[in-house]
Protein backbone atom coordinates (compact mmCIF):
# COMPACT_ATOMS: atom_id res chain seq x y z
CA UNK A 1 20.53 -24.39 55.40
CA UNK A 2 21.88 -26.20 52.09
CA UNK A 3 24.25 -23.01 51.48
CA UNK A 4 25.86 -23.47 55.31
CA UNK A 5 26.31 -26.99 54.47
CA UNK A 6 27.86 -26.47 51.40
CA UNK A 7 30.28 -23.11 52.56
CA UNK A 8 31.41 -25.72 55.48
CA UNK A 9 32.40 -28.87 52.84
CA UNK A 10 34.35 -26.10 50.76
CA UNK A 11 35.96 -25.39 54.05
CA UNK A 12 36.89 -28.38 55.03
CA UNK A 13 38.09 -28.97 51.03
CA UNK A 14 40.37 -26.16 51.86
CA UNK A 15 41.68 -27.66 54.84
CA UNK A 16 42.40 -30.98 53.04
CA UNK A 17 44.23 -29.01 50.28
CA UNK A 18 46.55 -27.38 52.87
CA UNK A 19 47.53 -30.55 54.54
CA UNK A 20 47.92 -32.12 51.64
CA UNK A 21 50.25 -29.61 50.58
CA UNK A 22 52.10 -29.38 54.02
CA UNK A 23 52.85 -33.31 54.00
CA UNK A 24 53.80 -33.17 50.41
CA UNK A 25 56.15 -30.05 51.02
CA UNK A 26 57.41 -32.21 54.60
CA UNK A 27 58.96 -34.73 52.43
CA UNK A 28 61.07 -31.93 50.92
CA UNK A 29 61.70 -30.80 54.38
CA UNK A 30 62.44 -34.03 56.06
CA UNK A 31 65.31 -34.68 53.06
CA UNK A 32 67.03 -31.64 54.16
CA UNK A 33 66.66 -32.09 57.78
CA UNK A 34 68.00 -35.63 57.74
CA UNK A 35 70.67 -34.92 55.04
CA UNK A 36 71.96 -31.95 57.80
CA UNK A 37 71.83 -33.92 61.01
CA UNK A 38 71.99 -37.56 61.44
CA UNK A 39 68.45 -39.04 60.71
CA UNK A 40 67.38 -40.88 63.66
CA UNK A 41 68.14 -38.29 66.12
CA UNK A 42 66.96 -35.29 64.39
CA UNK A 43 63.56 -37.32 63.65
CA UNK A 44 62.88 -38.14 67.11
CA UNK A 45 63.23 -34.17 68.07
CA UNK A 46 60.94 -33.52 65.17
CA UNK A 47 58.27 -35.95 66.39
CA UNK A 48 58.99 -35.11 69.85
CA UNK A 49 58.71 -31.19 69.17
CA UNK A 50 55.21 -32.09 67.34
CA UNK A 51 53.71 -34.18 70.06
CA UNK A 52 54.26 -31.24 72.64
CA UNK A 53 52.83 -29.05 70.14
CA UNK A 54 49.67 -31.02 69.62
CA UNK A 55 49.35 -30.96 73.58
CA UNK A 56 49.58 -27.13 73.77
CA UNK A 57 46.90 -26.75 71.54
CA UNK A 58 44.71 -29.18 72.82
CA UNK A 59 45.24 -27.65 76.35
CA UNK A 60 43.82 -24.30 75.04
CA UNK A 61 40.97 -26.59 73.85
CA UNK A 62 40.96 -28.20 77.13
CA UNK A 63 40.82 -31.45 75.17
CA UNK A 64 44.01 -33.24 77.33
CA UNK A 65 42.70 -36.00 79.64
CA UNK A 66 44.77 -39.16 80.94
CA UNK A 67 44.01 -42.41 78.76
CA UNK A 68 42.43 -45.30 80.40
CA UNK A 69 44.40 -48.66 80.69
CA UNK A 70 42.98 -50.34 77.34
CA UNK A 71 43.39 -47.13 75.33
CA UNK A 72 47.19 -47.22 76.38
CA UNK A 73 47.71 -50.26 74.59
CA UNK A 74 46.33 -48.97 71.59
CA UNK A 75 48.45 -45.68 71.77
CA UNK A 76 51.86 -47.85 72.25
CA UNK A 77 50.86 -49.89 69.24
CA UNK A 78 50.00 -46.94 67.02
CA UNK A 79 53.01 -45.41 68.31
CA UNK A 80 54.79 -48.29 67.58
CA UNK A 81 53.97 -48.44 64.32
CA UNK A 82 52.56 -45.09 62.82
CA UNK A 83 55.41 -42.85 64.66
CA UNK A 84 58.80 -45.46 65.48
CA UNK A 85 58.80 -47.67 62.64
CA UNK A 86 57.12 -45.07 60.22
CA UNK A 87 59.20 -42.20 61.11
CA UNK A 88 62.30 -44.54 61.43
CA UNK A 89 62.62 -45.69 58.19
CA UNK A 90 61.06 -42.67 56.79
CA UNK A 91 64.52 -40.76 57.71
CA UNK A 92 66.37 -43.56 56.74
CA UNK A 93 65.06 -43.81 53.47
CA UNK A 94 65.11 -40.24 52.64
CA UNK A 95 68.63 -40.03 53.26
CA UNK A 96 69.35 -42.46 50.77
CA UNK A 97 67.09 -41.38 47.89
CA UNK A 98 65.48 -38.47 46.07
CA UNK A 99 62.53 -36.75 47.56
CA UNK A 100 60.78 -36.99 44.53
CA UNK A 101 60.95 -41.05 44.64
CA UNK A 102 60.09 -40.94 48.20
CA UNK A 103 56.91 -38.89 47.96
CA UNK A 104 55.44 -40.65 44.92
CA UNK A 105 56.09 -44.12 46.94
CA UNK A 106 54.34 -42.63 50.00
CA UNK A 107 51.47 -42.19 48.11
CA UNK A 108 51.10 -45.80 47.98
CA UNK A 109 49.38 -45.28 51.32
CA UNK A 110 45.46 -45.99 51.26
CA UNK A 111 46.64 -48.95 48.94
CA UNK A 112 48.64 -50.38 51.88
CA UNK A 113 45.74 -49.66 54.02
CA UNK A 114 43.26 -51.53 52.09
CA UNK A 115 45.50 -54.56 51.71
CA UNK A 116 46.36 -54.39 55.44
CA UNK A 117 42.62 -54.12 56.38
CA UNK A 118 41.83 -57.01 53.85
CA UNK A 119 44.47 -59.28 55.75
CA UNK A 120 43.65 -58.42 59.19
CA UNK A 121 39.78 -57.53 59.13
CA UNK A 122 38.62 -59.53 56.23
CA UNK A 123 36.98 -56.57 54.20
CA UNK A 124 36.33 -57.57 50.79
CA UNK A 125 38.61 -56.55 47.61
CA UNK A 126 36.48 -56.31 44.74
CA UNK A 127 37.81 -56.66 41.05
CA UNK A 128 38.21 -52.70 40.77
CA UNK A 129 40.46 -52.66 43.89
CA UNK A 130 42.14 -55.34 42.93
CA UNK A 131 43.10 -53.75 39.61
CA UNK A 132 43.64 -50.44 41.93
CA UNK A 133 46.39 -52.00 43.93
CA UNK A 134 47.92 -53.80 40.39
CA UNK A 135 48.04 -50.12 38.96
CA UNK A 136 49.74 -48.40 42.16
CA UNK A 137 52.49 -51.16 42.27
CA UNK A 138 52.97 -50.88 38.75
CA UNK A 139 53.44 -47.31 39.33
CA UNK A 140 55.95 -47.95 41.86
CA UNK A 141 57.83 -50.17 39.91
CA UNK A 142 57.90 -47.45 36.89
CA UNK A 143 59.64 -45.49 39.23
CA UNK A 144 62.02 -47.40 41.47
CA UNK A 145 62.98 -50.27 39.53
CA UNK A 146 62.86 -49.38 35.76
CA UNK A 147 63.56 -45.61 36.85
CA UNK A 148 66.86 -46.92 38.33
CA UNK A 149 67.91 -49.16 35.36
CA UNK A 150 66.97 -52.49 36.71
CA UNK A 151 66.72 -54.33 40.04
CA UNK A 152 70.46 -54.16 40.61
CA UNK A 153 70.06 -50.45 40.57
CA UNK A 154 67.04 -50.13 43.26
CA UNK A 155 68.43 -47.74 46.02
CA UNK A 156 68.23 -49.03 49.50
CA UNK A 157 66.36 -45.95 50.31
CA UNK A 158 63.24 -46.51 48.02
CA UNK A 159 62.80 -49.69 50.16
CA UNK A 160 63.00 -48.29 53.51
CA UNK A 161 60.43 -45.49 52.46
CA UNK A 162 58.11 -48.38 51.19
CA UNK A 163 58.51 -49.62 54.58
CA UNK A 164 57.78 -46.64 56.21
CA UNK A 165 54.42 -46.17 54.66
CA UNK A 166 53.42 -49.94 54.92
CA UNK A 167 53.97 -50.03 58.55
CA UNK A 168 51.86 -46.75 58.67
CA UNK A 169 49.09 -48.41 57.11
CA UNK A 170 48.49 -50.63 60.37
CA UNK A 171 47.21 -47.30 62.11
CA UNK A 172 43.90 -47.61 60.49
CA UNK A 173 43.22 -50.66 62.15
CA UNK A 174 44.58 -49.43 65.55
CA UNK A 175 42.90 -46.00 65.12
CA UNK A 176 39.50 -47.55 64.27
CA UNK A 177 39.60 -49.67 67.68
CA UNK A 178 39.94 -46.62 69.99
CA UNK A 179 38.52 -43.48 68.24
CA UNK A 180 35.20 -44.33 69.76
CA UNK A 181 36.36 -43.58 73.36
CA UNK A 182 39.98 -41.29 72.69
CA UNK A 183 39.78 -38.03 70.74
CA UNK A 184 42.06 -38.73 67.69
CA UNK A 185 43.81 -35.53 68.06
CA UNK A 186 44.89 -36.64 71.63
CA UNK A 187 45.70 -39.99 70.44
CA UNK A 188 48.14 -38.50 68.08
CA UNK A 189 49.58 -35.89 70.68
CA UNK A 190 50.42 -39.46 73.28
CA UNK A 191 51.65 -41.59 70.23
CA UNK A 192 54.01 -38.82 69.07
CA UNK A 193 55.39 -38.29 72.00
CA UNK A 194 55.77 -41.49 73.18
CA UNK A 195 56.87 -42.69 69.92
CA UNK A 196 59.88 -39.71 70.04
CA UNK A 197 61.08 -41.18 73.47
CA UNK A 198 61.77 -44.55 72.05
CA UNK A 199 63.08 -43.09 68.65
CA UNK A 200 65.65 -41.37 70.59
CA UNK A 201 66.42 -44.11 72.72
CA UNK A 202 67.12 -46.12 69.54
CA UNK A 203 69.49 -43.26 68.42
CA UNK A 204 71.49 -43.21 71.25
CA UNK A 205 72.47 -46.71 69.96
CA UNK A 206 72.51 -46.17 66.68
CA UNK A 207 73.96 -42.87 66.21
CA UNK A 208 76.05 -42.08 69.40
CA UNK A 209 77.12 -38.83 68.38
CA UNK A 210 73.84 -37.62 67.10
CA UNK A 211 73.37 -34.70 69.84
CA UNK A 212 77.00 -33.17 69.10
CA UNK A 213 75.80 -33.12 65.08
CA UNK A 214 73.03 -30.57 65.99
CA UNK A 215 75.55 -27.72 66.43
CA UNK A 216 76.11 -28.05 62.99
CA UNK A 217 72.62 -26.64 62.04
CA UNK A 218 71.69 -23.32 60.06
CA UNK A 219 69.05 -20.54 61.01
CA UNK A 220 67.00 -21.62 57.90
CA UNK A 221 67.42 -25.38 58.41
CA UNK A 222 66.36 -24.94 62.07
CA UNK A 223 63.34 -22.87 60.81
CA UNK A 224 62.20 -25.92 58.38
CA UNK A 225 62.74 -28.30 61.56
CA UNK A 226 59.98 -26.51 63.39
CA UNK A 227 57.76 -25.88 60.34
CA UNK A 228 57.99 -29.63 59.46
CA UNK A 229 57.49 -30.14 63.39
CA UNK A 230 54.46 -27.96 64.13
CA UNK A 231 52.94 -27.25 60.59
CA UNK A 232 52.82 -30.50 58.60
CA UNK A 233 53.38 -33.15 61.66
CA UNK A 234 51.29 -31.56 64.27
CA UNK A 235 49.05 -29.10 63.14
CA UNK A 236 48.61 -31.52 59.64
CA UNK A 237 47.37 -34.55 61.63
CA UNK A 238 44.98 -32.90 63.98
CA UNK A 239 43.27 -31.14 61.05
CA UNK A 240 43.22 -34.25 58.49
CA UNK A 241 42.00 -36.67 61.15
CA UNK A 242 38.73 -34.87 62.16
CA UNK A 243 37.91 -33.71 58.50
CA UNK A 244 38.51 -37.08 57.06
CA UNK A 245 35.35 -38.34 59.28
CA UNK A 246 33.58 -35.61 57.49
CA UNK A 247 33.85 -36.23 54.03
CA UNK A 248 33.14 -39.52 51.97
CA UNK A 249 35.66 -41.86 50.71
CA UNK A 250 35.78 -40.94 47.05
CA UNK A 251 36.78 -37.06 48.36
CA UNK A 252 39.41 -38.29 50.78
CA UNK A 253 41.01 -40.32 48.23
CA UNK A 254 41.13 -37.47 45.53
CA UNK A 255 42.77 -35.42 48.36
CA UNK A 256 45.35 -37.70 49.38
CA UNK A 257 46.32 -37.89 45.82
CA UNK A 258 47.87 -34.28 46.23
CA UNK A 259 50.38 -35.54 48.63
CA UNK A 260 52.89 -37.09 45.97
CA UNK A 261 51.97 -34.21 43.75
CA UNK A 262 53.25 -31.59 45.80
CA UNK A 263 56.23 -33.71 46.67
CA UNK A 264 57.18 -33.62 42.98
CA UNK A 265 56.64 -30.18 42.68
CA UNK A 266 58.47 -29.16 46.03
CA UNK A 267 61.69 -31.71 45.06
CA UNK A 268 62.10 -29.42 41.57
CA UNK A 269 61.56 -26.18 42.98
CA UNK A 270 63.54 -26.83 46.38
CA UNK A 271 65.79 -29.38 45.70
CA UNK A 272 66.61 -28.82 41.69
CA UNK A 273 65.37 -32.39 41.14
CA UNK A 274 64.86 -33.62 37.85
CA UNK A 275 61.44 -35.10 37.43
CA UNK A 276 61.65 -38.24 34.57
CA UNK A 277 59.05 -39.46 31.92
CA UNK A 278 59.06 -42.44 34.09
CA UNK A 279 57.78 -40.90 37.19
CA UNK A 280 55.50 -38.75 35.76
CA UNK A 281 53.99 -42.13 34.26
CA UNK A 282 54.72 -44.03 37.61
CA UNK A 283 52.55 -41.11 39.49
CA UNK A 284 49.76 -41.28 36.86
CA UNK A 285 49.45 -45.29 37.77
CA UNK A 286 49.58 -44.50 41.46
CA UNK A 287 46.79 -41.62 41.05
CA UNK A 288 44.12 -44.11 39.50
CA UNK A 289 45.42 -46.85 41.63
CA UNK A 290 44.45 -45.25 44.59
CA UNK A 291 41.12 -43.79 43.10
CA UNK A 292 40.39 -47.44 42.16
CA UNK A 293 41.72 -49.37 45.17
CA UNK A 294 40.57 -47.40 48.07
CA UNK A 295 37.18 -47.72 46.83
CA UNK A 296 36.61 -44.14 45.53
CA UNK A 297 35.29 -45.44 42.09
CA UNK A 298 32.92 -47.97 43.87
CA UNK A 299 31.71 -44.75 46.15
CA UNK A 300 31.39 -42.36 43.31
CA UNK A 301 29.43 -45.14 41.20
CA UNK A 302 27.42 -45.95 44.18
CA UNK A 303 26.39 -42.46 44.88
CA UNK A 304 25.68 -41.62 41.36
CA UNK A 305 23.38 -44.46 41.06
CA UNK A 306 21.37 -43.44 44.17
CA UNK A 307 21.32 -39.72 42.97
CA UNK A 308 19.64 -41.02 40.01
CA UNK A 309 17.14 -43.25 42.07
CA UNK A 310 16.22 -40.29 43.83
CA UNK A 311 15.75 -37.86 41.39
CA UNK A 312 13.38 -40.92 39.39
CA UNK A 313 11.68 -41.27 42.55
CA UNK A 314 10.44 -37.64 43.20
CA UNK A 315 9.65 -37.26 39.49
CA UNK A 316 7.47 -40.31 40.12
CA UNK A 317 6.13 -38.59 43.52
CA UNK A 318 5.47 -35.42 41.37
CA UNK A 319 3.71 -36.85 38.37
CA UNK A 320 1.42 -38.96 40.81
């Protein structure tokens, strides 16, 4: 039984590595897409494609049902923050900044979630978590402010990407409210479709010629579009949400740190972007900031202390 449980845990780890690689490289894919087409229009279509993909998969699994009236309210809230705001700002941001900067800033997600949970849920922030939050924002300062030559050189794209990850932080609270009755995978499908429709309506006003510009896409770009929508957005979220519930805080925070790592690697390989020493230092600060600020370090110390206590009790029992 122990070997089976261990094997299942390693399978979950492999799935989480796959998701982090997909999400990290999705920053590169999104950068290519939003610089080829008008950003909001193509993002609306990409998110809609992802939502339909989720429903097709859940249809085969016979997991599709209509939400209750109460669940609909949370779906709209999650769709607004996690889809409309997040993808709107992300598409604009990546069209105006580098993929490497965007990927690193997105790595702040767990820290911003901690801050939102503190403000709205009253969750206590310990000294270690506060230290982690400071480290995380220090990393972003190194990347965005110092890396651009001072405050005057900061890209508006970096600010948009920050807004994108900040608005997504609210999903933790919303999903926590509704996950007891609604499958997170089904909620993902509903909020992707609803959010994409709202994004498309926004694009009609912001980008009147957005649909006409779709004819300029090459076969390669459309393949990147499909991979981004189906693999990263649809499958990624469907795998991540259930897997996250099966690993602890410490493990999940470690895997989340792989996201900006894969973004950096992808930016170098696929976009020929140059990684600076400030970006590397910034990444290190964000990495440790997430481990400290998300509660991963505290969880690890608690589990280590508990394990030592159990070993001591077992030895005492054997001695008696």
